[in-house]
Protein backbone atom coordinates (compact mmCIF):
# COMPACT_ATOMS: atom_id res chain seq x y z
CA MET A 1 -24.76 32.25 0.99
CA ALA A 2 -21.86 31.08 3.37
CA LYS A 3 -18.26 31.31 2.24
CA HIS A 4 -16.07 28.59 1.76
CA PRO A 5 -13.05 28.38 4.18
CA PRO A 6 -10.69 31.04 3.91
CA TRP A 7 -7.58 28.77 2.88
CA LEU A 8 -9.80 27.87 -0.17
CA ARG A 9 -10.27 29.84 -3.20
CA PHE A 10 -13.45 27.79 -3.63
CA GLN A 11 -14.80 24.22 -2.61
CA ALA A 12 -16.49 22.19 -5.42
CA TYR A 13 -17.26 18.50 -5.45
CA VAL A 14 -17.04 16.44 -8.75
CA VAL A 15 -20.12 13.79 -8.27
CA GLY A 16 -20.38 11.48 -11.03
CA LEU A 17 -20.35 7.92 -11.82
CA PRO A 18 -16.90 6.05 -12.18
CA LYS A 19 -15.63 6.54 -16.37
CA THR A 20 -18.04 9.58 -16.82
CA GLY A 21 -14.69 12.19 -16.95
CA SER A 22 -13.71 12.81 -13.47
CA THR A 23 -9.84 12.28 -14.41
CA SER A 24 -10.45 15.22 -17.04
CA ILE A 25 -12.27 17.73 -15.02
CA ALA A 26 -9.66 17.44 -12.40
CA THR A 27 -6.88 17.89 -15.30
CA THR A 28 -9.02 20.96 -16.28
CA PHE A 29 -8.68 22.46 -13.10
CA GLY A 30 -4.90 21.88 -12.53
CA ASN A 31 -4.17 25.18 -12.02
CA TYR A 32 -5.83 25.00 -8.39
CA ARG A 33 -5.71 22.63 -5.40
CA THR A 34 -7.10 19.68 -6.99
CA GLY A 35 -7.29 15.79 -5.78
CA HIS A 36 -8.57 12.89 -7.68
CA GLU A 37 -9.69 9.77 -5.89
CA TRP A 38 -8.03 10.82 -2.82
CA GLN A 39 -8.69 8.27 -0.33
CA LEU A 40 -11.27 6.86 -2.53
CA ARG A 41 -10.73 3.24 -0.83
CA GLU A 42 -11.56 4.26 2.67
CA LEU A 43 -14.38 6.51 1.47
CA ILE A 44 -16.40 4.01 -0.45
CA GLY A 45 -15.75 1.66 2.17
CA CYS A 46 -17.75 4.12 4.42
CA ALA A 47 -20.22 4.76 1.73
CA LEU A 48 -20.91 0.96 1.37
CA GLN A 49 -21.17 0.67 4.91
CA ARG A 50 -23.69 3.70 4.87
CA GLN A 51 -26.07 1.72 2.70
CA ARG A 52 -25.77 -1.39 4.10
CA GLU A 53 -26.56 -0.14 7.77
CA GLY A 54 -28.62 3.13 6.92
CA LEU A 55 -26.12 4.95 8.65
CA SER A 56 -27.20 8.94 10.00
CA ASP A 57 -25.55 11.62 8.39
CA ASP A 58 -23.45 12.31 11.60
CA GLU A 59 -22.42 8.87 11.89
CA PHE A 60 -21.38 8.41 8.41
CA LEU A 61 -19.29 11.67 8.57
CA ARG A 62 -17.66 10.46 11.81
CA ARG A 63 -16.75 7.24 10.60
CA ALA A 64 -15.34 8.88 7.52
CA GLY A 65 -13.17 11.11 9.51
CA PRO A 66 -11.40 14.50 8.74
CA ARG A 67 -11.46 13.79 5.28
CA LEU A 68 -14.89 14.95 4.43
CA GLN A 69 -15.11 17.10 7.48
CA SER A 70 -12.28 19.65 6.91
CA PRO A 71 -11.76 20.69 3.29
CA ALA A 72 -8.59 20.63 1.97
CA LEU A 73 -8.99 20.96 -1.84
CA GLU A 74 -10.56 23.49 -3.88
CA LEU A 75 -11.59 20.64 -6.51
CA ASP A 76 -12.38 17.33 -4.75
CA SER A 77 -12.82 14.81 -7.75
CA ASN A 78 -13.77 11.69 -6.41
CA THR A 79 -16.15 8.96 -7.87
CA CYS A 80 -17.54 7.52 -4.64
CA HIS A 81 -18.83 11.25 -3.97
CA TYR A 82 -22.01 10.98 -5.45
CA LEU A 83 -23.20 8.28 -2.72
CA TYR A 84 -23.44 10.80 -0.29
CA VAL A 85 -23.64 14.20 -2.20
CA ASN A 86 -26.88 14.89 -0.30
CA VAL A 87 -24.59 14.98 3.06
CA LEU A 88 -22.03 16.67 1.50
CA ALA A 89 -24.66 19.50 0.36
CA ARG A 90 -26.02 20.14 3.71
CA GLN A 91 -22.47 19.93 5.21
CA PHE A 92 -20.98 22.78 3.27
CA PRO A 93 -23.94 25.16 2.33
CA HIS A 94 -20.92 27.36 0.25
CA ALA A 95 -19.84 24.36 -1.82
CA VAL A 96 -20.68 23.93 -5.65
CA PHE A 97 -21.33 20.52 -7.40
CA LEU A 98 -20.35 19.24 -10.75
CA HIS A 99 -22.28 16.01 -12.06
CA SER A 100 -20.60 14.45 -14.30
CA ILE A 101 -22.54 12.28 -16.70
CA ARG A 102 -22.05 9.98 -19.78
CA ASP A 103 -24.97 8.03 -21.89
CA VAL A 104 -25.35 4.30 -20.35
CA ARG A 105 -23.92 2.88 -23.52
CA SER A 106 -20.83 4.39 -23.60
CA TRP A 107 -20.44 3.99 -19.78
CA VAL A 108 -21.25 0.71 -19.49
CA THR A 109 -18.65 -0.25 -22.20
CA SER A 110 -15.87 2.04 -20.48
CA LEU A 111 -16.86 0.73 -16.95
CA LEU A 112 -16.50 -3.04 -18.07
CA ASP A 113 -13.47 -2.63 -19.70
CA MET A 114 -11.78 -0.80 -16.83
CA VAL A 115 -12.65 -3.69 -14.40
CA LEU A 116 -11.78 -6.30 -17.18
CA ARG A 117 -8.09 -4.85 -17.09
CA LYS A 118 -8.15 -5.18 -13.70
CA ARG A 119 -9.32 -8.53 -13.61
CA LEU A 120 -6.60 -9.63 -16.34
CA ALA A 121 -3.97 -7.74 -14.70
CA ARG A 122 -4.25 -10.33 -11.61
CA ARG A 123 -3.10 -13.01 -13.79
CA TYR A 124 0.25 -11.51 -13.93
CA VAL A 125 0.10 -9.21 -10.56
CA GLN A 126 -0.81 -11.53 -7.09
CA ILE A 127 -2.43 -8.87 -4.96
CA PRO A 128 -6.13 -9.05 -3.57
CA TYR A 129 -9.24 -6.68 -4.45
CA SER A 130 -9.75 -3.55 -2.64
CA ASP A 131 -13.33 -2.49 -1.73
CA TRP A 132 -14.09 -1.34 -5.03
CA GLY A 133 -13.36 -4.12 -6.89
CA ALA A 134 -14.91 -6.35 -4.60
CA GLU A 135 -17.62 -4.66 -2.69
CA TYR A 136 -18.46 -1.28 -4.73
CA LEU A 137 -18.65 -3.77 -8.14
CA ALA A 138 -20.83 -6.49 -6.31
CA TRP A 139 -23.38 -3.61 -5.48
CA LEU A 140 -23.24 -2.22 -9.11
CA THR A 141 -23.82 -5.51 -10.78
CA ASP A 142 -25.96 -7.10 -8.01
CA GLY A 143 -22.98 -9.52 -7.49
CA ALA A 144 -23.31 -10.66 -11.15
CA TYR A 145 -19.81 -9.89 -12.06
CA ASP A 146 -17.29 -12.80 -11.94
CA LEU A 147 -14.05 -11.23 -10.62
CA ASN A 148 -11.97 -14.54 -11.07
CA PRO A 149 -8.72 -13.81 -13.39
CA ALA A 150 -8.83 -17.24 -15.03
CA ASP A 151 -12.41 -17.14 -16.00
CA PRO A 152 -12.64 -16.65 -19.75
CA GLY A 153 -16.30 -15.61 -19.51
CA ASP A 154 -17.85 -12.63 -20.76
CA ASP A 155 -19.71 -10.07 -18.43
CA SER A 156 -23.06 -9.83 -19.97
CA THR A 157 -24.63 -11.03 -16.75
CA SER A 158 -23.38 -7.26 -15.47
CA LEU A 159 -25.59 -5.66 -18.32
CA VAL A 160 -28.76 -5.28 -16.59
CA PRO A 161 -28.04 -4.41 -13.49
CA LEU A 162 -25.52 -1.65 -14.63
CA LEU A 163 -28.55 -0.23 -16.82
CA ARG A 164 -30.61 -0.57 -13.58
CA HIS A 165 -28.15 1.46 -11.29
CA TRP A 166 -27.26 4.17 -14.15
CA GLY A 167 -31.09 5.26 -14.88
CA GLN A 168 -31.76 4.94 -10.71
CA HIS A 169 -28.30 7.23 -10.19
CA MET A 170 -29.73 9.80 -12.76
CA ARG A 171 -33.12 9.91 -11.63
CA THR A 172 -31.53 10.55 -7.63
CA MET A 173 -28.90 12.97 -8.44
CA SER A 174 -31.39 15.18 -10.12
CA ALA A 175 -33.39 15.30 -6.77
CA LEU A 176 -30.43 15.70 -4.37
CA LEU A 177 -28.39 18.18 -6.23
CA PRO A 178 -28.63 21.72 -4.86
CA GLN A 179 -30.23 24.01 -7.21
CA GLY A 180 -28.13 26.67 -7.79
CA ARG A 181 -24.98 25.46 -6.92
CA SER A 182 -24.73 22.62 -9.56
CA LEU A 183 -23.65 21.97 -12.96
CA ILE A 184 -24.44 19.03 -15.22
CA ILE A 185 -21.21 18.25 -17.68
CA ARG A 186 -21.66 15.42 -20.05
CA THR A 187 -18.39 13.65 -20.61
CA ASN A 188 -17.91 14.62 -24.18
CA ASP A 189 -18.46 18.31 -23.23
CA ILE A 190 -15.86 18.85 -20.62
CA GLN A 191 -13.47 21.38 -22.60
CA PRO A 192 -16.09 22.98 -24.37
CA ARG A 193 -17.64 23.61 -20.78
CA ALA A 194 -14.68 24.88 -19.26
CA GLY A 195 -15.87 28.38 -19.20
CA ASP A 196 -19.20 27.19 -17.49
CA MET A 197 -16.99 25.13 -14.62
CA ALA A 198 -15.03 28.44 -14.02
CA ALA A 199 -18.21 30.50 -13.44
CA LEU A 200 -20.03 28.47 -11.31
CA VAL A 201 -16.86 28.29 -8.86
CA GLY A 202 -16.09 31.97 -9.49
CA VAL A 203 -12.27 31.87 -11.01
CA PRO A 204 -11.24 33.14 -14.54
CA ALA A 205 -12.11 30.95 -17.68
CA ALA A 206 -8.53 31.69 -18.68
CA SER A 207 -7.32 29.70 -15.81
CA MET A 208 -8.76 26.58 -16.89
CA ARG A 209 -6.23 23.76 -18.69
CA THR A 210 -8.18 23.23 -21.51
CA ASP A 211 -4.77 22.50 -23.31
CA LEU A 212 -4.35 19.09 -21.57
CA GLY A 213 -6.84 17.28 -23.61
CA HIS A 214 -9.13 14.13 -22.34
CA ALA A 215 -7.51 12.40 -19.84
CA ASN A 216 -8.01 8.32 -19.06
CA GLN A 217 -8.82 7.00 -22.14
CA THR A 218 -9.68 3.63 -22.90
CA PRO A 219 -6.89 1.87 -24.88
CA LEU A 220 -9.58 -1.00 -26.26
CA ARG A 221 -13.20 -0.76 -26.31
CA LEU A 222 -16.05 -3.45 -26.70
CA ASP A 223 -19.80 -2.61 -27.25
CA ARG A 224 -21.54 -4.53 -25.17
CA PHE A 225 -24.88 -3.44 -25.95
CA THR A 226 -24.28 -4.77 -29.83
CA THR A 227 -21.85 -7.94 -28.54
CA PHE A 228 -24.45 -9.16 -26.19
CA ASP A 229 -27.83 -7.77 -27.32
CA SER A 230 -31.05 -9.45 -25.99
CA GLN A 231 -34.53 -8.97 -24.97
CA ALA A 232 -33.70 -8.53 -21.56
CA LEU A 233 -30.85 -5.96 -22.16
CA ARG A 234 -33.75 -3.79 -24.35
CA HIS A 235 -36.56 -4.11 -22.03
CA ALA A 236 -34.19 -3.07 -18.93
CA TYR A 237 -33.05 -0.02 -21.49
CA ALA A 238 -36.61 1.00 -22.11
CA LYS A 239 -37.43 0.47 -18.42
CA HIS A 240 -34.62 2.53 -16.63
CA CYS A 241 -32.62 4.28 -19.19
CA ALA A 242 -34.60 5.45 -22.58
CA GLY A 243 -36.41 8.55 -21.23
CA ILE A 244 -33.50 9.94 -19.40
CA THR A 245 -31.15 9.18 -22.58
CA ALA A 246 -33.56 10.28 -25.57
CA ASP A 247 -33.40 13.87 -23.13
CA LEU A 248 -29.71 13.95 -22.18
CA PHE A 249 -28.51 12.10 -25.16
CA PRO A 250 -30.57 11.76 -27.88
CA GLN A 251 -28.36 11.10 -30.72
CA GLN A 252 -27.04 7.98 -28.62
CA HIS A 253 -30.87 7.08 -27.93
CA ALA A 254 -31.72 7.73 -31.51
CA ALA A 255 -28.84 5.27 -32.79
CA TRP A 256 -29.87 2.24 -30.42
CA MET A 257 -33.47 2.88 -31.56
CA ALA A 258 -32.45 2.40 -34.84
CA HIS A 259 -30.15 -0.76 -34.11
CA CYS A 260 -33.37 -2.07 -32.53
CA ALA A 261 -35.62 -1.45 -35.08
CA LYS A 262 -33.40 -3.50 -37.66
CA GLY A 263 -34.94 -6.73 -35.83
CA PRO A 264 -34.86 -8.62 -33.00
CA PRO A 265 -31.71 -9.59 -31.07
CA GLN A 266 -29.16 -12.22 -32.44
CA PRO A 267 -27.00 -14.57 -30.51
CA PRO A 268 -24.26 -13.31 -28.43
CA ASP A 269 -20.92 -12.69 -30.65
CA HIS A 270 -18.73 -14.64 -28.63
CA ARG A 271 -16.06 -14.38 -31.29
CA ALA A 272 -16.14 -10.71 -30.84
CA TRP A 273 -15.44 -11.37 -26.83
CA ASP A 274 -13.08 -13.81 -27.28
CA ALA A 275 -11.15 -11.35 -29.88
CA HIS A 276 -11.31 -8.24 -27.27
CA LEU A 277 -10.36 -10.57 -24.37
CA GLU A 278 -6.95 -11.82 -26.32
CA GLY A 279 -6.27 -8.15 -27.16
CA MET A 280 -6.92 -7.04 -23.87
CA ASP A 281 -4.98 -9.56 -22.40
CA ARG A 282 -2.04 -8.63 -24.34
CA TRP A 283 -2.33 -5.00 -23.30
CA VAL A 284 -2.64 -5.73 -20.28
CA ALA A 285 0.48 -8.18 -19.80
CA ASP A 286 2.72 -5.24 -21.39
CA ALA A 287 1.24 -2.73 -19.04
CA VAL A 288 2.14 -4.89 -16.09
CA GLN A 289 5.53 -5.35 -17.80
CA SER A 290 6.12 -1.21 -17.91
CA CYS A 291 3.99 -0.22 -14.83
CA GLY A 292 3.80 -3.17 -12.55
CA VAL A 293 1.50 -3.37 -9.74
CA ALA A 294 -0.22 -0.04 -10.72
CA VAL A 295 -2.17 -1.61 -13.42
CA ALA A 296 -4.08 -4.04 -11.20
CA ASN A 297 -5.48 -0.60 -9.34
């Protein structure tokens, strides 16, 4: 196998979806030259352009510039790397890949709560959305998500597109990740599998920072699956997610099947949404006052 550049002890990429543990993995590799979301905005713009225009690998790398062509990090954790993981695998035959994964139900909840916080922050901080907030989110949700901070409406129209995207991502990654150079890490298993990650990159297990705990935890959470349960959601889950979830997340799959077995979907629980929106708005307002514009990003 080809060797990594001499200025790096190893070269590894985290290639999971947003909200699947990229921050925690980066923290676990805290004793090494590690970056999290470095130049995310620039890379996501190039990655979406590649999707829209069908750019060749060479043209994509040219437009992305030196960020992807001259590796400066030993652990490069960026939540858009999955969009061009095949390019990275060919460009760096010595690199290894950590595919962070999360069950679809908690992933949807965590992602939409993060976006909701960004949306509500714009009630207090007047800044435009980045490419992530505008183009990437529209791509994930087929344009269903409403970014208007003044709109009190819920985000239930995003559920079916997100289920479809999650299923497509999981199937695509299983085909693209290079065998022998990849490791699948569930979000809840990051600390217990620190030794496996260390073995993959070739460093001592004792050097991993398992003492730092789970990073970037959500302050408030609303389970969209039960709050906005519907036949369309159940159908999308069965079509795009059920088989994968049953295989990789059997407990979560069984829990959802048990919920569905109780009977047909009930009307949306708007009271739960209103209470969640109110609580999240209070949290965001306090966070903006304490941290400023960073909350909106």
